[in-house]
C-alpha atoms as a PDB file:
ATOM      1  CA  MET A   1      15.027  29.807 197.900  1.00  0.00           C
ATOM      2  CA  ALA A   2      13.688  29.199 201.364  1.00  0.00           C
ATOM      3  CA  SER A   3       9.957  28.858 201.919  1.00  0.00           C
ATOM      4  CA  VAL A   4       8.651  31.599 204.215  1.00  0.00           C
ATOM      5  CA  MET A   5       5.041  30.416 204.477  1.00  0.00           C
ATOM      6  CA  THR A   6       2.423  28.276 202.790  1.00  0.00           C
ATOM      7  CA  TRP A   7      -1.294  29.020 202.665  1.00  0.00           C
ATOM      8  CA  ARG A   8      -4.061  27.156 200.782  1.00  0.00           C
ATOM      9  CA  GLY A   9      -1.714  25.641 198.238  1.00  0.00           C
ATOM     10  CA  TYR A  10       0.308  28.828 197.703  1.00  0.00           C
ATOM     11  CA  THR A  11       3.887  29.222 198.905  1.00  0.00           C
ATOM     12  CA  VAL A  12       5.789  32.440 199.561  1.00  0.00           C
ATOM     13  CA  TYR A  13       9.556  32.196 199.071  1.00  0.00           C
ATOM     14  CA  GLU A  14      12.336  34.382 200.370  1.00  0.00           C
ATOM     15  CA  LEU A  15      14.286  35.972 197.521  1.00  0.00           C
ATOM     16  CA  ASP A  16      18.042  36.182 197.752  1.00  0.00           C
ATOM     17  CA  ASP A  17      19.365  39.620 196.770  1.00  0.00           C
ATOM     18  CA  PRO A  18      15.989  41.203 195.887  1.00  0.00           C
ATOM     19  CA  ASN A  19      15.838  44.088 193.427  1.00  0.00           C
ATOM     20  CA  ILE A  20      15.049  47.006 195.734  1.00  0.00           C
ATOM     21  CA  GLY A  21      17.215  49.665 194.102  1.00  0.00           C
ATOM     22  CA  GLY A  22      17.800  48.516 190.537  1.00  0.00           C
ATOM     23  CA  TYR A  23      20.033  46.006 188.801  1.00  0.00           C
ATOM     24  CA  GLY A  24      22.532  47.008 186.145  1.00  0.00           C
ATOM     25  CA  VAL A  25      22.353  44.169 183.626  1.00  0.00           C
ATOM     26  CA  ALA A  26      25.144  43.120 181.257  1.00  0.00           C
ATOM     27  CA  SER A  27      22.967  41.924 178.392  1.00  0.00           C
ATOM     28  CA  VAL A  28      19.483  41.886 176.937  1.00  0.00           C
ATOM     29  CA  ALA A  29      17.416  39.073 175.465  1.00  0.00           C
ATOM     30  CA  PHE A  30      14.812  40.104 172.928  1.00  0.00           C
ATOM     31  CA  GLY A  31      11.335  38.647 172.638  1.00  0.00           C
ATOM     32  CA  ALA A  32       9.165  39.080 169.546  1.00  0.00           C
ATOM     33  CA  THR A  33       6.079  38.809 171.782  1.00  0.00           C
ATOM     34  CA  VAL A  34       5.317  39.146 175.462  1.00  0.00           C
ATOM     35  CA  THR A  35       4.967  35.339 175.515  1.00  0.00           C
ATOM     36  CA  ASP A  36       8.540  35.055 174.199  1.00  0.00           C
ATOM     37  CA  GLU A  37       9.752  37.479 176.876  1.00  0.00           C
ATOM     38  CA  LEU A  38       8.005  35.474 179.606  1.00  0.00           C
ATOM     39  CA  ARG A  39       9.403  32.215 178.204  1.00  0.00           C
ATOM     40  CA  ILE A  40      12.941  33.639 178.458  1.00  0.00           C
ATOM     41  CA  ILE A  41      12.372  34.727 182.056  1.00  0.00           C
ATOM     42  CA  ARG A  42      11.075  31.271 182.992  1.00  0.00           C
ATOM     43  CA  GLU A  43      14.204  29.488 181.702  1.00  0.00           C
ATOM     44  CA  SER A  44      16.223  28.001 184.550  1.00  0.00           C
ATOM     45  CA  ALA A  45      19.416  29.710 183.337  1.00  0.00           C
ATOM     46  CA  PHE A  46      17.820  33.184 183.334  1.00  0.00           C
ATOM     47  CA  ASP A  47      19.458  35.509 185.879  1.00  0.00           C
ATOM     48  CA  PRO A  48      17.643  38.865 186.229  1.00  0.00           C
ATOM     49  CA  ARG A  49      20.767  40.393 187.775  1.00  0.00           C
ATOM     50  CA  ARG A  50      22.666  39.821 184.519  1.00  0.00           C
ATOM     51  CA  THR A  51      20.069  39.863 181.720  1.00  0.00           C
ATOM     52  CA  ALA A  52      16.906  41.831 181.000  1.00  0.00           C
ATOM     53  CA  THR A  53      14.234  40.831 178.534  1.00  0.00           C
ATOM     54  CA  VAL A  54      13.141  43.568 176.170  1.00  0.00           C
ATOM     55  CA  ALA A  55      10.679  43.793 173.279  1.00  0.00           C
ATOM     56  CA  ALA A  56      12.300  43.024 169.921  1.00  0.00           C
ATOM     57  CA  ALA A  57      11.099  46.431 168.704  1.00  0.00           C
ATOM     58  CA  GLU A  58      13.840  48.006 170.873  1.00  0.00           C
ATOM     59  CA  ARG A  59      16.643  45.991 169.233  1.00  0.00           C
ATOM     60  CA  GLY A  60      17.778  48.776 166.892  1.00  0.00           C
ATOM     61  CA  TRP A  61      17.917  51.436 169.562  1.00  0.00           C
ATOM     62  CA  LEU A  62      19.573  49.222 172.181  1.00  0.00           C
ATOM     63  CA  GLY A  63      22.030  47.827 169.633  1.00  0.00           C
ATOM     64  CA  ARG A  64      23.422  51.321 169.190  1.00  0.00           C
ATOM     65  CA  LEU A  65      23.779  51.666 172.961  1.00  0.00           C
ATOM     66  CA  GLY A  66      25.095  48.235 174.112  1.00  0.00           C
ATOM     67  CA  PRO A  67      27.082  46.453 175.465  1.00  0.00           C
ATOM     68  CA  PHE A  68      26.131  47.315 179.025  1.00  0.00           C
ATOM     69  CA  SER A  69      28.087  47.611 182.247  1.00  0.00           C
ATOM     70  CA  SER A  70      27.132  47.277 185.872  1.00  0.00           C
ATOM     71  CA  ILE A  71      25.840  50.275 187.788  1.00  0.00           C
ATOM     72  CA  ARG A  72      27.213  51.870 190.910  1.00  0.00           C
ATOM     73  CA  ASN A  73      26.480  54.862 193.126  1.00  0.00           C
ATOM     74  CA  THR A  74      22.768  54.180 192.768  1.00  0.00           C
ATOM     75  CA  ARG A  75      20.205  56.223 194.551  1.00  0.00           C
ATOM     76  CA  LEU A  76      16.453  55.711 194.395  1.00  0.00           C
ATOM     77  CA  ILE A  77      14.112  58.029 196.257  1.00  0.00           C
ATOM     78  CA  ILE A  78      10.322  57.819 196.176  1.00  0.00           C
ATOM     79  CA  THR A  79       8.331  60.953 196.881  1.00  0.00           C
ATOM     80  CA  GLY A  80       4.585  60.664 196.333  1.00  0.00           C
ATOM     81  CA  GLN A  81       4.036  59.772 192.658  1.00  0.00           C
ATOM     82  CA  THR A  82       7.647  60.552 191.731  1.00  0.00           C
ATOM     83  CA  LEU A  83      10.771  58.399 191.532  1.00  0.00           C
ATOM     84  CA  ASN A  84      14.198  59.984 191.556  1.00  0.00           C
ATOM     85  CA  PHE A  85      16.855  57.642 190.184  1.00  0.00           C
ATOM     86  CA  GLU A  86      20.564  58.318 189.992  1.00  0.00           C
ATOM     87  CA  ALA A  87      23.295  55.928 188.914  1.00  0.00           C
ATOM     88  CA  THR A  88      26.718  55.775 187.324  1.00  0.00           C
ATOM     89  CA  ALA A  89      27.660  53.206 184.694  1.00  0.00           C
ATOM     90  CA  ALA A  90      30.830  51.254 185.503  1.00  0.00           C
ATOM     91  CA  GLY A  91      31.573  51.498 181.762  1.00  0.00           C
ATOM     92  CA  ALA A  92      30.266  53.681 178.953  1.00  0.00           C
ATOM     93  CA  ARG A  93      26.604  52.652 179.130  1.00  0.00           C
ATOM     94  CA  ALA A  94      24.152  50.849 181.368  1.00  0.00           C
ATOM     95  CA  LEU A  95      20.659  49.432 181.534  1.00  0.00           C
ATOM     96  CA  ALA A  96      19.107  49.517 185.006  1.00  0.00           C
ATOM     97  CA  VAL A  97      16.041  47.413 185.779  1.00  0.00           C
ATOM     98  CA  LEU A  98      14.077  49.143 188.522  1.00  0.00           C
ATOM     99  CA  PRO A  99      11.622  47.380 190.842  1.00  0.00           C
ATOM    100  CA  PHE A 100       8.620  49.334 189.563  1.00  0.00           C
ATOM    101  CA  ARG A 101       5.905  48.589 187.029  1.00  0.00           C
ATOM    102  CA  PHE A 102       6.517  49.963 183.566  1.00  0.00           C
ATOM    103  CA  SER A 103       3.976  52.494 182.331  1.00  0.00           C
ATOM    104  CA  GLN A 104       3.757  54.869 179.417  1.00  0.00           C
ATOM    105  CA  CYS A 105       2.618  57.354 182.069  1.00  0.00           C
ATOM    106  CA  TRP A 106       6.088  57.809 183.561  1.00  0.00           C
ATOM    107  CA  GLN A 107       7.213  61.296 182.554  1.00  0.00           C
ATOM    108  CA  PRO A 108      11.022  61.590 182.707  1.00  0.00           C
ATOM    109  CA  THR A 109      12.896  64.789 183.434  1.00  0.00           C
ATOM    110  CA  TRP A 110      16.566  64.110 182.735  1.00  0.00           C
ATOM    111  CA  GLN A 111      19.434  66.077 184.203  1.00  0.00           C
ATOM    112  CA  GLY A 112      22.351  65.936 181.793  1.00  0.00           C
ATOM    113  CA  ARG A 113      22.295  63.553 178.837  1.00  0.00           C
ATOM    114  CA  PRO A 114      18.832  62.010 178.319  1.00  0.00           C
ATOM    115  CA  GLY A 115      18.461  58.258 178.508  1.00  0.00           C
ATOM    116  CA  ARG A 116      15.482  56.108 177.609  1.00  0.00           C
ATOM    117  CA  LEU A 117      12.721  54.328 179.528  1.00  0.00           C
ATOM    118  CA  LEU A 118      11.992  50.747 178.472  1.00  0.00           C
ATOM    119  CA  ARG A 119       9.634  47.933 179.405  1.00  0.00           C
ATOM    120  CA  THR A 120      11.928  45.206 180.732  1.00  0.00           C
ATOM    121  CA  ASP A 121      11.299  41.716 182.109  1.00  0.00           C
ATOM    122  CA  VAL A 122       7.705  41.796 180.825  1.00  0.00           C
ATOM    123  CA  ALA A 123       6.455  44.557 183.117  1.00  0.00           C
ATOM    124  CA  LEU A 124       9.323  46.287 184.918  1.00  0.00           C
ATOM    125  CA  LEU A 125      10.736  49.754 184.364  1.00  0.00           C
ATOM    126  CA  GLY A 126      14.114  49.916 182.640  1.00  0.00           C
ATOM    127  CA  VAL A 127      16.358  52.981 182.366  1.00  0.00           C
ATOM    128  CA  ALA A 128      19.021  52.930 179.651  1.00  0.00           C
ATOM    129  CA  PHE A 129      21.704  55.604 179.913  1.00  0.00           C
ATOM    130  CA  GLU A 130      25.266  56.538 179.070  1.00  0.00           C
ATOM    131  CA  GLU A 131      27.920  57.203 181.737  1.00  0.00           C
ATOM    132  CA  ARG A 132      25.625  58.548 184.453  1.00  0.00           C
ATOM    133  CA  THR A 133      22.019  59.455 184.897  1.00  0.00           C
ATOM    134  CA  SER A 134      19.842  61.543 187.117  1.00  0.00           C
ATOM    135  CA  VAL A 135      16.205  61.262 186.182  1.00  0.00           C
ATOM    136  CA  LYS A 136      13.026  62.349 187.887  1.00  0.00           C
ATOM    137  CA  LEU A 137      10.119  60.085 186.909  1.00  0.00           C
ATOM    138  CA  ALA A 138       6.719  61.590 187.615  1.00  0.00           C
ATOM    139  CA  TRP A 139       3.726  59.292 187.168  1.00  0.00           C
ATOM    140  CA  SER A 140       1.143  61.404 185.422  1.00  0.00           C
ATOM    141  CA  ALA A 141      -1.878  59.536 184.120  1.00  0.00           C
ATOM    142  CA  GLY A 142      -4.745  61.272 182.457  1.00  0.00           C
ATOM    143  CA  TYR A 143      -3.817  64.734 183.675  1.00  0.00           C
ATOM    144  CA  GLY A 144      -3.436  67.529 181.170  1.00  0.00           C
ATOM    145  CA  GLY A 145      -4.431  65.449 178.148  1.00  0.00           C
ATOM    146  CA  ARG A 146      -2.224  62.475 179.096  1.00  0.00           C
ATOM    147  CA  ALA A 147      -5.014  59.869 178.953  1.00  0.00           C
ATOM    148  CA  ALA A 148      -3.289  58.344 175.897  1.00  0.00           C
ATOM    149  CA  CYS A 149      -0.654  56.821 178.205  1.00  0.00           C
ATOM    150  CA  LEU A 150      -3.355  54.868 180.034  1.00  0.00           C
ATOM    151  CA  ARG A 151      -4.724  53.600 176.711  1.00  0.00           C
ATOM    152  CA  ALA A 152      -1.195  52.520 175.687  1.00  0.00           C
ATOM    153  CA  ASP A 153      -0.790  50.663 178.992  1.00  0.00           C
ATOM    154  CA  ALA A 154      -4.208  49.036 178.585  1.00  0.00           C
ATOM    155  CA  ALA A 155      -3.245  47.872 175.085  1.00  0.00           C
ATOM    156  CA  LEU A 156      -0.515  45.702 176.663  1.00  0.00           C
ATOM    157  CA  VAL A 157      -2.923  43.882 178.976  1.00  0.00           C
ATOM    158  CA  PRO A 158      -4.328  41.337 176.473  1.00  0.00           C
ATOM    159  CA  SER A 159      -0.856  40.224 175.368  1.00  0.00           C
ATOM    160  CA  MET A 160       0.251  39.908 179.000  1.00  0.00           C
ATOM    161  CA  GLN A 161      -2.851  37.893 179.883  1.00  0.00           C
ATOM    162  CA  ALA A 162      -2.309  35.627 176.870  1.00  0.00           C
ATOM    163  CA  ALA A 163       1.344  35.133 177.811  1.00  0.00           C
ATOM    164  CA  ALA A 164       0.484  34.228 181.393  1.00  0.00           C
ATOM    165  CA  SER A 165      -2.323  31.880 180.414  1.00  0.00           C
ATOM    166  CA  SER A 166      -0.114  30.091 177.870  1.00  0.00           C
ATOM    167  CA  PHE A 167       2.003  28.884 180.800  1.00  0.00           C
ATOM    168  CA  VAL A 168      -0.833  28.270 183.274  1.00  0.00           C
ATOM    169  CA  ASP A 169      -2.783  26.174 180.740  1.00  0.00           C
ATOM    170  CA  ARG A 170       0.178  23.792 180.304  1.00  0.00           C
ATOM    171  CA  ARG A 171       0.115  22.645 183.927  1.00  0.00           C
ATOM    172  CA  ALA A 172      -1.587  19.419 184.880  1.00  0.00           C
ATOM    173  CA  PRO A 173      -5.190  19.929 186.090  1.00  0.00           C
ATOM    174  CA  ASP A 174      -4.312  18.743 189.600  1.00  0.00           C
ATOM    175  CA  SER A 175      -1.570  21.404 189.907  1.00  0.00           C
ATOM    176  CA  GLN A 176      -3.933  24.325 189.258  1.00  0.00           C
ATOM    177  CA  PRO A 177      -4.304  26.731 192.205  1.00  0.00           C
ATOM    178  CA  ARG A 178      -7.567  26.323 194.080  1.00  0.00           C
END
């Protein structure tokens, strides 16, 4: 990765092949905790274009769906608080990792066979589907009695903070950001 700029000890790097429309991964790696998921992502061999990390609690459901194929004919349109995602699986089933934050507040409206929304790669939005999908994802937090989704999202925060700090705390004191 090429360095784009450095400022006060922080460096911004250019990403090759950034995820701007979704990756169709071939496999999943399960983590029993968010710390396990983050550990997997930080491994040098981890390739987010090929593998997604997912909570171990999804193993049973995903096991019935996998293995996964690449995706093609993708289309991602953002309109206000709504994402419209369309894709075709190159094989029978696919898992797309979209470049948006996962939230329990995403309300899917599926056209055709319903798929499933998943938290992937610690905090990204995953869409698992068979053959092809067309889903409208409306972000609806707290409206019409939906405040429970915000509480569910907030319940993830402590485990995410603990996971992040478990890696930050291992660095040498002189490598801490200032």
